[in-house]
PDB file of all heavy atoms in Angstrom:
ATOM      1  N   VAL A   1     -12.835   9.483   2.296  1.00  0.00           N
ATOM      2  CA  VAL A   1     -13.629   8.514   1.549  1.00  0.00           C
ATOM      3  C   VAL A   1     -15.085   8.943   1.608  1.00  0.00           C
ATOM      4  O   VAL A   1     -15.614   9.235   2.677  1.00  0.00           O
ATOM      5  CB  VAL A   1     -13.481   7.104   2.155  1.00  0.00           C
ATOM      6  CG1 VAL A   1     -14.384   6.108   1.441  1.00  0.00           C
ATOM      7  CG2 VAL A   1     -12.024   6.653   2.128  1.00  0.00           C
ATOM      8  N   LEU A   2     -15.739   8.993   0.455  1.00  0.00           N
ATOM      9  CA  LEU A   2     -17.176   9.270   0.396  1.00  0.00           C
ATOM     10  C   LEU A   2     -17.967   7.969   0.325  1.00  0.00           C
ATOM     11  O   LEU A   2     -18.945   7.798   1.039  1.00  0.00           O
ATOM     12  CB  LEU A   2     -17.502  10.167  -0.796  1.00  0.00           C
ATOM     13  CG  LEU A   2     -16.853  11.544  -0.787  1.00  0.00           C
ATOM     14  CD1 LEU A   2     -17.166  12.302  -2.067  1.00  0.00           C
ATOM     15  CD2 LEU A   2     -17.286  12.340   0.438  1.00  0.00           C
ATOM     16  N   ASP A   3     -17.549   7.058  -0.553  1.00  0.00           N
ATOM     17  CA  ASP A   3     -18.178   5.743  -0.683  1.00  0.00           C
ATOM     18  C   ASP A   3     -17.120   4.780  -1.205  1.00  0.00           C
ATOM     19  O   ASP A   3     -16.806   4.778  -2.395  1.00  0.00           O
ATOM     20  CB  ASP A   3     -19.372   5.823  -1.640  1.00  0.00           C
ATOM     21  CG  ASP A   3     -20.143   4.520  -1.759  1.00  0.00           C
ATOM     22  OD1 ASP A   3     -19.550   3.434  -1.558  1.00  0.00           O
ATOM     23  OD2 ASP A   3     -21.343   4.578  -2.087  1.00  0.00           O
ATOM     24  N   GLY A   4     -16.563   3.982  -0.312  1.00  0.00           N
ATOM     25  CA  GLY A   4     -15.463   3.094  -0.666  1.00  0.00           C
ATOM     26  C   GLY A   4     -15.819   2.077  -1.728  1.00  0.00           C
ATOM     27  O   GLY A   4     -15.039   1.819  -2.642  1.00  0.00           O
ATOM     28  N   GLU A   5     -16.989   1.454  -1.638  1.00  0.00           N
ATOM     29  CA  GLU A   5     -17.407   0.454  -2.622  1.00  0.00           C
ATOM     30  C   GLU A   5     -17.601   1.061  -4.001  1.00  0.00           C
ATOM     31  O   GLU A   5     -17.285   0.445  -5.006  1.00  0.00           O
ATOM     32  CB  GLU A   5     -18.699  -0.230  -2.195  1.00  0.00           C
ATOM     33  CG  GLU A   5     -18.554  -1.463  -1.364  1.00  0.00           C
ATOM     34  CD  GLU A   5     -17.588  -2.504  -1.920  1.00  0.00           C
ATOM     35  OE1 GLU A   5     -17.695  -2.899  -3.099  1.00  0.00           O
ATOM     36  OE2 GLU A   5     -16.712  -2.919  -1.164  1.00  0.00           O
ATOM     37  N   ALA A   6     -18.134   2.276  -4.050  1.00  0.00           N
ATOM     38  CA  ALA A   6     -18.371   2.956  -5.330  1.00  0.00           C
ATOM     39  C   ALA A   6     -17.102   3.611  -5.868  1.00  0.00           C
ATOM     40  O   ALA A   6     -17.096   4.125  -6.993  1.00  0.00           O
ATOM     41  CB  ALA A   6     -19.472   4.003  -5.180  1.00  0.00           C
ATOM     42  N   GLY A   7     -16.028   3.620  -5.084  1.00  0.00           N
ATOM     43  CA  GLY A   7     -14.778   4.234  -5.522  1.00  0.00           C
ATOM     44  C   GLY A   7     -14.805   5.744  -5.471  1.00  0.00           C
ATOM     45  O   GLY A   7     -14.107   6.406  -6.236  1.00  0.00           O
ATOM     46  N   LEU A   8     -15.595   6.290  -4.561  1.00  0.00           N
ATOM     47  CA  LEU A   8     -15.739   7.746  -4.488  1.00  0.00           C
ATOM     48  C   LEU A   8     -14.948   8.324  -3.323  1.00  0.00           C
ATOM     49  O   LEU A   8     -15.112   7.909  -2.177  1.00  0.00           O
ATOM     50  CB  LEU A   8     -17.214   8.123  -4.340  1.00  0.00           C
ATOM     51  CG  LEU A   8     -18.127   7.690  -5.490  1.00  0.00           C
ATOM     52  CD1 LEU A   8     -19.570   8.028  -5.149  1.00  0.00           C
ATOM     53  CD2 LEU A   8     -17.698   8.323  -6.798  1.00  0.00           C
ATOM     54  N   VAL A   9     -14.108   9.297  -3.645  1.00  0.00           N
ATOM     55  CA  VAL A   9     -13.346  10.028  -2.633  1.00  0.00           C
ATOM     56  C   VAL A   9     -13.541  11.519  -2.874  1.00  0.00           C
ATOM     57  O   VAL A   9     -13.902  11.943  -3.968  1.00  0.00           O
ATOM     58  CB  VAL A   9     -11.846   9.674  -2.663  1.00  0.00           C
ATOM     59  CG1 VAL A   9     -11.619   8.219  -2.323  1.00  0.00           C
ATOM     60  CG2 VAL A   9     -11.220  10.029  -3.996  1.00  0.00           C
ATOM     61  N   GLU A  10     -13.296  12.277  -1.847  1.00  0.00           N
ATOM     62  CA  GLU A  10     -13.398  13.731  -1.943  1.00  0.00           C
ATOM     63  C   GLU A  10     -12.023  14.308  -2.253  1.00  0.00           C
ATOM     64  O   GLU A  10     -11.078  14.098  -1.504  1.00  0.00           O
ATOM     65  CB  GLU A  10     -13.889  14.284  -0.608  1.00  0.00           C
ATOM     66  CG  GLU A  10     -13.877  15.779  -0.523  1.00  0.00           C
ATOM     67  CD  GLU A  10     -14.166  16.270   0.881  1.00  0.00           C
ATOM     68  OE1 GLU A  10     -13.582  15.731   1.844  1.00  0.00           O
ATOM     69  OE2 GLU A  10     -14.971  17.196   0.986  1.00  0.00           O
ATOM     70  N   ARG A  11     -11.928  14.999  -3.364  1.00  0.00           N
ATOM     71  CA  ARG A  11     -10.691  15.733  -3.625  1.00  0.00           C
ATOM     72  C   ARG A  11     -10.964  17.176  -3.228  1.00  0.00           C
ATOM     73  O   ARG A  11     -12.082  17.672  -3.371  1.00  0.00           O
ATOM     74  CB  ARG A  11     -10.235  15.600  -5.071  1.00  0.00           C
ATOM     75  CG  ARG A  11     -10.948  16.491  -6.035  1.00  0.00           C
ATOM     76  CD  ARG A  11     -10.194  16.579  -7.361  1.00  0.00           C
ATOM     77  NE  ARG A  11     -10.987  17.234  -8.354  1.00  0.00           N
ATOM     78  CZ  ARG A  11     -11.143  18.558  -8.445  1.00  0.00           C
ATOM     79  NH1 ARG A  11     -10.547  19.358  -7.599  1.00  0.00           N
ATOM     80  NH2 ARG A  11     -11.913  19.079  -9.369  1.00  0.00           N
ATOM     81  N   ARG A  12      -9.942  17.844  -2.744  1.00  0.00           N
ATOM     82  CA  ARG A  12     -10.127  19.205  -2.244  1.00  0.00           C
ATOM     83  C   ARG A  12      -9.310  20.241  -3.003  1.00  0.00           C
ATOM     84  O   ARG A  12      -9.409  21.426  -2.713  1.00  0.00           O
ATOM     85  CB  ARG A  12      -9.777  19.256  -0.762  1.00  0.00           C
ATOM     86  CG  ARG A  12     -10.733  18.421   0.068  1.00  0.00           C
ATOM     87  CD  ARG A  12     -10.490  18.576   1.517  1.00  0.00           C
ATOM     88  NE  ARG A  12     -11.592  17.973   2.256  1.00  0.00           N
ATOM     89  CZ  ARG A  12     -11.701  18.047   3.550  1.00  0.00           C
ATOM     90  NH1 ARG A  12     -10.797  18.690   4.262  1.00  0.00           N
ATOM     91  NH2 ARG A  12     -12.714  17.478   4.152  1.00  0.00           N
ATOM     92  N   ARG A  13      -8.501  19.790  -3.944  1.00  0.00           N
ATOM     93  CA  ARG A  13      -7.627  20.705  -4.672  1.00  0.00           C
ATOM     94  C   ARG A  13      -7.695  20.437  -6.167  1.00  0.00           C
ATOM     95  O   ARG A  13      -8.206  19.412  -6.595  1.00  0.00           O
ATOM     96  CB  ARG A  13      -6.201  20.582  -4.145  1.00  0.00           C
ATOM     97  CG  ARG A  13      -6.186  20.923  -2.645  1.00  0.00           C
ATOM     98  CD  ARG A  13      -4.851  20.922  -2.045  1.00  0.00           C
ATOM     99  NE  ARG A  13      -4.966  21.264  -0.628  1.00  0.00           N
ATOM    100  CZ  ARG A  13      -4.130  20.872   0.296  1.00  0.00           C
ATOM    101  NH1 ARG A  13      -3.083  20.139  -0.032  1.00  0.00           N
ATOM    102  NH2 ARG A  13      -4.301  21.226   1.551  1.00  0.00           N
ATOM    103  N   GLU A  14      -7.152  21.353  -6.950  1.00  0.00           N
ATOM    104  CA  GLU A  14      -7.202  21.246  -8.410  1.00  0.00           C
ATOM    105  C   GLU A  14      -5.980  20.543  -9.003  1.00  0.00           C
ATOM    106  O   GLU A  14      -5.987  20.193 -10.175  1.00  0.00           O
ATOM    107  CB  GLU A  14      -7.323  22.644  -9.037  1.00  0.00           C
ATOM    108  CG  GLU A  14      -8.608  23.366  -8.669  1.00  0.00           C
ATOM    109  CD  GLU A  14      -9.842  22.663  -9.210  1.00  0.00           C
ATOM    110  OE1 GLU A  14      -9.822  22.215 -10.371  1.00  0.00           O
ATOM    111  OE2 GLU A  14     -10.831  22.544  -8.454  1.00  0.00           O
ATOM    112  N   LYS A  15      -4.930  20.377  -8.204  1.00  0.00           N
ATOM    113  CA  LYS A  15      -3.685  19.796  -8.708  1.00  0.00           C
ATOM    114  C   LYS A  15      -3.355  18.519  -7.943  1.00  0.00           C
ATOM    115  O   LYS A  15      -3.604  18.425  -6.735  1.00  0.00           O
ATOM    116  CB  LYS A  15      -2.520  20.771  -8.524  1.00  0.00           C
ATOM    117  CG  LYS A  15      -2.673  22.089  -9.248  1.00  0.00           C
ATOM    118  CD  LYS A  15      -1.483  22.973  -8.917  1.00  0.00           C
ATOM    119  CE  LYS A  15      -1.603  24.360  -9.471  1.00  0.00           C
ATOM    120  NZ  LYS A  15      -0.431  25.171  -9.051  1.00  0.00           N
ATOM    121  N   LEU A  16      -2.759  17.574  -8.669  1.00  0.00           N
ATOM    122  CA  LEU A  16      -2.351  16.300  -8.074  1.00  0.00           C
ATOM    123  C   LEU A  16      -0.919  15.996  -8.479  1.00  0.00           C
ATOM    124  O   LEU A  16      -0.538  16.165  -9.640  1.00  0.00           O
ATOM    125  CB  LEU A  16      -3.254  15.161  -8.569  1.00  0.00           C
ATOM    126  CG  LEU A  16      -2.901  13.770  -8.044  1.00  0.00           C
ATOM    127  CD1 LEU A  16      -3.233  13.646  -6.558  1.00  0.00           C
ATOM    128  CD2 LEU A  16      -3.616  12.691  -8.850  1.00  0.00           C
ATOM    129  N   ALA A  17      -0.136  15.526  -7.524  1.00  0.00           N
ATOM    130  CA  ALA A  17       1.203  15.015  -7.809  1.00  0.00           C
ATOM    131  C   ALA A  17       1.193  13.518  -7.529  1.00  0.00           C
ATOM    132  O   ALA A  17       0.859  13.089  -6.423  1.00  0.00           O
ATOM    133  CB  ALA A  17       2.255  15.714  -6.952  1.00  0.00           C
ATOM    134  N   ILE A  18       1.522  12.733  -8.546  1.00  0.00           N
ATOM    135  CA  ILE A  18       1.675  11.290  -8.412  1.00  0.00           C
ATOM    136  C   ILE A  18       3.153  11.047  -8.153  1.00  0.00           C
ATOM    137  O   ILE A  18       4.003  11.467  -8.940  1.00  0.00           O
ATOM    138  CB  ILE A  18       1.219  10.568  -9.695  1.00  0.00           C
ATOM    139  CG1 ILE A  18      -0.266  10.854  -9.962  1.00  0.00           C
ATOM    140  CG2 ILE A  18       1.488   9.069  -9.586  1.00  0.00           C
ATOM    141  CD1 ILE A  18      -0.764  10.359 -11.311  1.00  0.00           C
ATOM    142  N   VAL A  19       3.465  10.379  -7.043  1.00  0.00           N
ATOM    143  CA  VAL A  19       4.863  10.233  -6.632  1.00  0.00           C
ATOM    144  C   VAL A  19       5.250   8.765  -6.562  1.00  0.00           C
ATOM    145  O   VAL A  19       4.625   7.981  -5.842  1.00  0.00           O
ATOM    146  CB  VAL A  19       5.124  10.919  -5.276  1.00  0.00           C
ATOM    147  CG1 VAL A  19       6.608  10.842  -4.921  1.00  0.00           C
ATOM    148  CG2 VAL A  19       4.652  12.363  -5.304  1.00  0.00           C
ATOM    149  N   GLY A  20       6.298   8.411  -7.327  1.00  0.00           N
ATOM    150  CA  GLY A  20       6.834   7.061  -7.339  1.00  0.00           C
ATOM    151  C   GLY A  20       8.194   6.979  -6.671  1.00  0.00           C
ATOM    152  O   GLY A  20       8.665   7.945  -6.058  1.00  0.00           O
ATOM    153  N   TYR A  21       8.834   5.841  -6.807  1.00  0.00           N
ATOM    154  CA  TYR A  21      10.068   5.533  -6.084  1.00  0.00           C
ATOM    155  C   TYR A  21      11.349   6.149  -6.646  1.00  0.00           C
ATOM    156  O   TYR A  21      12.330   6.289  -5.930  1.00  0.00           O
ATOM    157  CB  TYR A  21      10.283   4.012  -6.052  1.00  0.00           C
ATOM    158  CG  TYR A  21       9.453   3.308  -5.019  1.00  0.00           C
ATOM    159  CD1 TYR A  21       8.215   2.779  -5.347  1.00  0.00           C
ATOM    160  CD2 TYR A  21       9.907   3.161  -3.725  1.00  0.00           C
ATOM    161  CE1 TYR A  21       7.449   2.125  -4.411  1.00  0.00           C
ATOM    162  CE2 TYR A  21       9.154   2.505  -2.775  1.00  0.00           C
ATOM    163  CZ  TYR A  21       7.921   1.982  -3.126  1.00  0.00           C
ATOM    164  OH  TYR A  21       7.175   1.338  -2.186  1.00  0.00           O
ATOM    165  N   ALA A  22      11.400   6.466  -7.924  1.00  0.00           N
ATOM    166  CA  ALA A  22      12.662   6.875  -8.541  1.00  0.00           C
ATOM    167  C   ALA A  22      13.239   8.106  -7.850  1.00  0.00           C
ATOM    168  O   ALA A  22      12.601   9.154  -7.772  1.00  0.00           O
ATOM    169  CB  ALA A  22      12.470   7.148 -10.026  1.00  0.00           C
ATOM    170  N   THR A  23      14.451   7.973  -7.352  1.00  0.00           N
ATOM    171  CA  THR A  23      15.079   9.053  -6.602  1.00  0.00           C
ATOM    172  C   THR A  23      15.504  10.221  -7.484  1.00  0.00           C
ATOM    173  O   THR A  23      15.834  11.285  -6.973  1.00  0.00           O
ATOM    174  CB  THR A  23      16.296   8.536  -5.817  1.00  0.00           C
ATOM    175  OG1 THR A  23      17.198   7.913  -6.728  1.00  0.00           O
ATOM    176  CG2 THR A  23      15.865   7.541  -4.755  1.00  0.00           C
ATOM    177  N   SER A  24      15.464  10.032  -8.798  1.00  0.00           N
ATOM    178  CA  SER A  24      15.864  11.113  -9.705  1.00  0.00           C
ATOM    179  C   SER A  24      14.993  12.352  -9.537  1.00  0.00           C
ATOM    180  O   SER A  24      15.480  13.473  -9.655  1.00  0.00           O
ATOM    181  CB  SER A  24      15.818  10.626 -11.153  1.00  0.00           C
ATOM    182  OG  SER A  24      14.523  10.130 -11.457  1.00  0.00           O
ATOM    183  N   THR A  25      13.693  12.173  -9.253  1.00  0.00           N
ATOM    184  CA  THR A  25      12.793  13.333  -9.102  1.00  0.00           C
ATOM    185  C   THR A  25      11.834  13.226  -7.920  1.00  0.00           C
ATOM    186  O   THR A  25      11.095  14.171  -7.651  1.00  0.00           O
ATOM    187  CB  THR A  25      11.956  13.546 -10.383  1.00  0.00           C
ATOM    188  OG1 THR A  25      11.195  12.352 -10.648  1.00  0.00           O
ATOM    189  CG2 THR A  25      12.834  13.886 -11.573  1.00  0.00           C
ATOM    190  N   ARG A  26      11.831  12.109  -7.215  1.00  0.00           N
ATOM    191  CA  ARG A  26      10.876  11.893  -6.122  1.00  0.00           C
ATOM    192  C   ARG A  26      10.875  13.036  -5.106  1.00  0.00           C
ATOM    193  O   ARG A  26       9.819  13.530  -4.703  1.00  0.00           O
ATOM    194  CB  ARG A  26      11.183  10.568  -5.427  1.00  0.00           C
ATOM    195  CG  ARG A  26      10.270  10.282  -4.252  1.00  0.00           C
ATOM    196  CD  ARG A  26      10.635   8.991  -3.556  1.00  0.00           C
ATOM    197  NE  ARG A  26      11.892   9.131  -2.840  1.00  0.00           N
ATOM    198  CZ  ARG A  26      12.710   8.120  -2.582  1.00  0.00           C
ATOM    199  NH1 ARG A  26      12.431   6.908  -3.001  1.00  0.00           N
ATOM    200  NH2 ARG A  26      13.821   8.324  -1.917  1.00  0.00           N
ATOM    201  N   ASP A  27      12.028  13.462  -4.693  1.00  0.00           N
ATOM    202  CA  ASP A  27      12.119  14.477  -3.641  1.00  0.00           C
ATOM    203  C   ASP A  27      11.800  15.889  -4.135  1.00  0.00           C
ATOM    204  O   ASP A  27      11.752  16.819  -3.340  1.00  0.00           O
ATOM    205  CB  ASP A  27      13.502  14.439  -2.995  1.00  0.00           C
ATOM    206  CG  ASP A  27      13.742  13.109  -2.289  1.00  0.00           C
ATOM    207  OD1 ASP A  27      12.756  12.465  -1.877  1.00  0.00           O
ATOM    208  OD2 ASP A  27      14.915  12.711  -2.162  1.00  0.00           O
ATOM    209  N   LEU A  28      11.561  16.051  -5.441  1.00  0.00           N
ATOM    210  CA  LEU A  28      11.177  17.351  -5.996  1.00  0.00           C
ATOM    211  C   LEU A  28       9.660  17.569  -5.949  1.00  0.00           C
ATOM    212  O   LEU A  28       9.182  18.658  -6.277  1.00  0.00           O
ATOM    213  CB  LEU A  28      11.661  17.468  -7.448  1.00  0.00           C
ATOM    214  CG  LEU A  28      13.175  17.358  -7.663  1.00  0.00           C
ATOM    215  CD1 LEU A  28      13.486  17.372  -9.150  1.00  0.00           C
ATOM    216  CD2 LEU A  28      13.904  18.460  -6.927  1.00  0.00           C
ATOM    217  N   ALA A  29       8.916  16.541  -5.541  1.00  0.00           N
ATOM    218  CA  ALA A  29       7.453  16.650  -5.485  1.00  0.00           C
ATOM    219  C   ALA A  29       7.049  17.797  -4.541  1.00  0.00           C
ATOM    220  O   ALA A  29       7.764  18.107  -3.579  1.00  0.00           O
ATOM    221  CB  ALA A  29       6.847  15.338  -5.014  1.00  0.00           C
ATOM    222  N   PRO A  30       5.903  18.420  -4.795  1.00  0.00           N
ATOM    223  CA  PRO A  30       5.481  19.606  -4.039  1.00  0.00           C
ATOM    224  C   PRO A  30       4.830  19.283  -2.680  1.00  0.00           C
ATOM    225  O   PRO A  30       3.693  19.644  -2.410  1.00  0.00           O
ATOM    226  CB  PRO A  30       4.479  20.261  -4.992  1.00  0.00           C
ATOM    227  CG  PRO A  30       3.877  19.104  -5.727  1.00  0.00           C
ATOM    228  CD  PRO A  30       5.007  18.129  -5.917  1.00  0.00           C
ATOM    229  N   PHE A  31       5.575  18.622  -1.818  1.00  0.00           N
ATOM    230  CA  PHE A  31       5.050  18.217  -0.514  1.00  0.00           C
ATOM    231  C   PHE A  31       4.638  19.406   0.341  1.00  0.00           C
ATOM    232  O   PHE A  31       3.708  19.310   1.143  1.00  0.00           O
ATOM    233  CB  PHE A  31       6.084  17.376   0.244  1.00  0.00           C
ATOM    234  CG  PHE A  31       6.480  16.123  -0.471  1.00  0.00           C
ATOM    235  CD1 PHE A  31       7.774  15.952  -0.941  1.00  0.00           C
ATOM    236  CD2 PHE A  31       5.555  15.115  -0.706  1.00  0.00           C
ATOM    237  CE1 PHE A  31       8.142  14.797  -1.612  1.00  0.00           C
ATOM    238  CE2 PHE A  31       5.909  13.954  -1.372  1.00  0.00           C
ATOM    239  CZ  PHE A  31       7.216  13.800  -1.828  1.00  0.00           C
ATOM    240  N   ASN A  32       5.314  20.541   0.175  1.00  0.00           N
ATOM    241  CA  ASN A  32       5.023  21.722   0.986  1.00  0.00           C
ATOM    242  C   ASN A  32       4.230  22.784   0.240  1.00  0.00           C
ATOM    243  O   ASN A  32       4.184  23.933   0.670  1.00  0.00           O
ATOM    244  CB  ASN A  32       6.328  22.308   1.530  1.00  0.00           C
ATOM    245  CG  ASN A  32       7.003  21.354   2.487  1.00  0.00           C
ATOM    246  OD1 ASN A  32       6.362  20.784   3.369  1.00  0.00           O
ATOM    247  ND2 ASN A  32       8.294  21.128   2.296  1.00  0.00           N
ATOM    248  N   ASP A  33       3.587  22.387  -0.839  1.00  0.00           N
ATOM    249  CA  ASP A  33       2.741  23.286  -1.620  1.00  0.00           C
ATOM    250  C   ASP A  33       1.295  22.863  -1.420  1.00  0.00           C
ATOM    251  O   ASP A  33       0.873  21.808  -1.893  1.00  0.00           O
ATOM    252  CB  ASP A  33       3.142  23.195  -3.096  1.00  0.00           C
ATOM    253  CG  ASP A  33       2.342  24.117  -4.004  1.00  0.00           C
ATOM    254  OD1 ASP A  33       1.261  24.582  -3.598  1.00  0.00           O
ATOM    255  OD2 ASP A  33       2.795  24.340  -5.143  1.00  0.00           O
ATOM    256  N   ASP A  34       0.541  23.667  -0.713  1.00  0.00           N
ATOM    257  CA  ASP A  34      -0.829  23.267  -0.384  1.00  0.00           C
ATOM    258  C   ASP A  34      -1.822  23.438  -1.526  1.00  0.00           C
ATOM    259  O   ASP A  34      -3.018  23.257  -1.349  1.00  0.00           O
ATOM    260  CB  ASP A  34      -1.329  23.953   0.889  1.00  0.00           C
ATOM    261  CG  ASP A  34      -1.459  25.449   0.752  1.00  0.00           C
ATOM    262  OD1 ASP A  34      -1.279  25.988  -0.350  1.00  0.00           O
ATOM    263  OD2 ASP A  34      -1.740  26.097   1.776  1.00  0.00           O
ATOM    264  N   SER A  35      -1.331  23.738  -2.729  1.00  0.00           N
ATOM    265  CA  SER A  35      -2.226  23.737  -3.884  1.00  0.00           C
ATOM    266  C   SER A  35      -2.288  22.347  -4.532  1.00  0.00           C
ATOM    267  O   SER A  35      -3.101  22.111  -5.412  1.00  0.00           O
ATOM    268  CB  SER A  35      -1.796  24.793  -4.914  1.00  0.00           C
ATOM    269  OG  SER A  35      -0.577  24.447  -5.529  1.00  0.00           O
ATOM    270  N   TYR A  36      -1.423  21.422  -4.083  1.00  0.00           N
ATOM    271  CA  TYR A  36      -1.371  20.063  -4.604  1.00  0.00           C
ATOM    272  C   TYR A  36      -1.881  19.060  -3.580  1.00  0.00           C
ATOM    273  O   TYR A  36      -1.624  19.192  -2.381  1.00  0.00           O
ATOM    274  CB  TYR A  36       0.069  19.644  -4.923  1.00  0.00           C
ATOM    275  CG  TYR A  36       0.587  20.129  -6.240  1.00  0.00           C
ATOM    276  CD1 TYR A  36       1.218  21.361  -6.334  1.00  0.00           C
ATOM    277  CD2 TYR A  36       0.474  19.353  -7.383  1.00  0.00           C
ATOM    278  CE1 TYR A  36       1.716  21.814  -7.542  1.00  0.00           C
ATOM    279  CE2 TYR A  36       0.981  19.798  -8.597  1.00  0.00           C
ATOM    280  CZ  TYR A  36       1.594  21.025  -8.667  1.00  0.00           C
ATOM    281  OH  TYR A  36       2.094  21.470  -9.861  1.00  0.00           O
ATOM    282  N   GLU A  37      -2.538  18.026  -4.094  1.00  0.00           N
ATOM    283  CA  GLU A  37      -2.741  16.809  -3.321  1.00  0.00           C
ATOM    284  C   GLU A  37      -1.675  15.832  -3.805  1.00  0.00           C
ATOM    285  O   GLU A  37      -1.226  15.899  -4.951  1.00  0.00           O
ATOM    286  CB  GLU A  37      -4.150  16.247  -3.524  1.00  0.00           C
ATOM    287  CG  GLU A  37      -5.160  17.134  -2.833  1.00  0.00           C
ATOM    288  CD  GLU A  37      -6.584  16.648  -2.906  1.00  0.00           C
ATOM    289  OE1 GLU A  37      -7.031  16.210  -3.989  1.00  0.00           O
ATOM    290  OE2 GLU A  37      -7.264  16.734  -1.872  1.00  0.00           O
ATOM    291  N   ILE A  38      -1.272  14.932  -2.919  1.00  0.00           N
ATOM    292  CA  ILE A  38      -0.199  13.988  -3.203  1.00  0.00           C
ATOM    293  C   ILE A  38      -0.759  12.582  -3.115  1.00  0.00           C
ATOM    294  O   ILE A  38      -1.473  12.241  -2.169  1.00  0.00           O
ATOM    295  CB  ILE A  38       0.949  14.127  -2.168  1.00  0.00           C
ATOM    296  CG1 ILE A  38       1.465  15.561  -2.064  1.00  0.00           C
ATOM    297  CG2 ILE A  38       2.063  13.117  -2.448  1.00  0.00           C
ATOM    298  CD1 ILE A  38       2.280  16.054  -3.212  1.00  0.00           C
ATOM    299  N   VAL A  39      -0.420  11.751  -4.107  1.00  0.00           N
ATOM    300  CA  VAL A  39      -0.753  10.329  -4.044  1.00  0.00           C
ATOM    301  C   VAL A  39       0.525   9.526  -4.250  1.00  0.00           C
ATOM    302  O   VAL A  39       1.300   9.787  -5.163  1.00  0.00           O
ATOM    303  CB  VAL A  39      -1.857   9.924  -5.052  1.00  0.00           C
ATOM    304  CG1 VAL A  39      -1.449  10.185  -6.486  1.00  0.00           C
ATOM    305  CG2 VAL A  39      -2.263   8.465  -4.861  1.00  0.00           C
TER     306      VAL A  39
END
């Protein structure tokens, strides 16, 4: 967190994986790929 009230966070990578509950593809997310951040 850089500034919580302003909604500012530090991202460190160029790729993001948004992961939801559906089991159809959830476990395929790149958890072990350090080029992605995961939310």
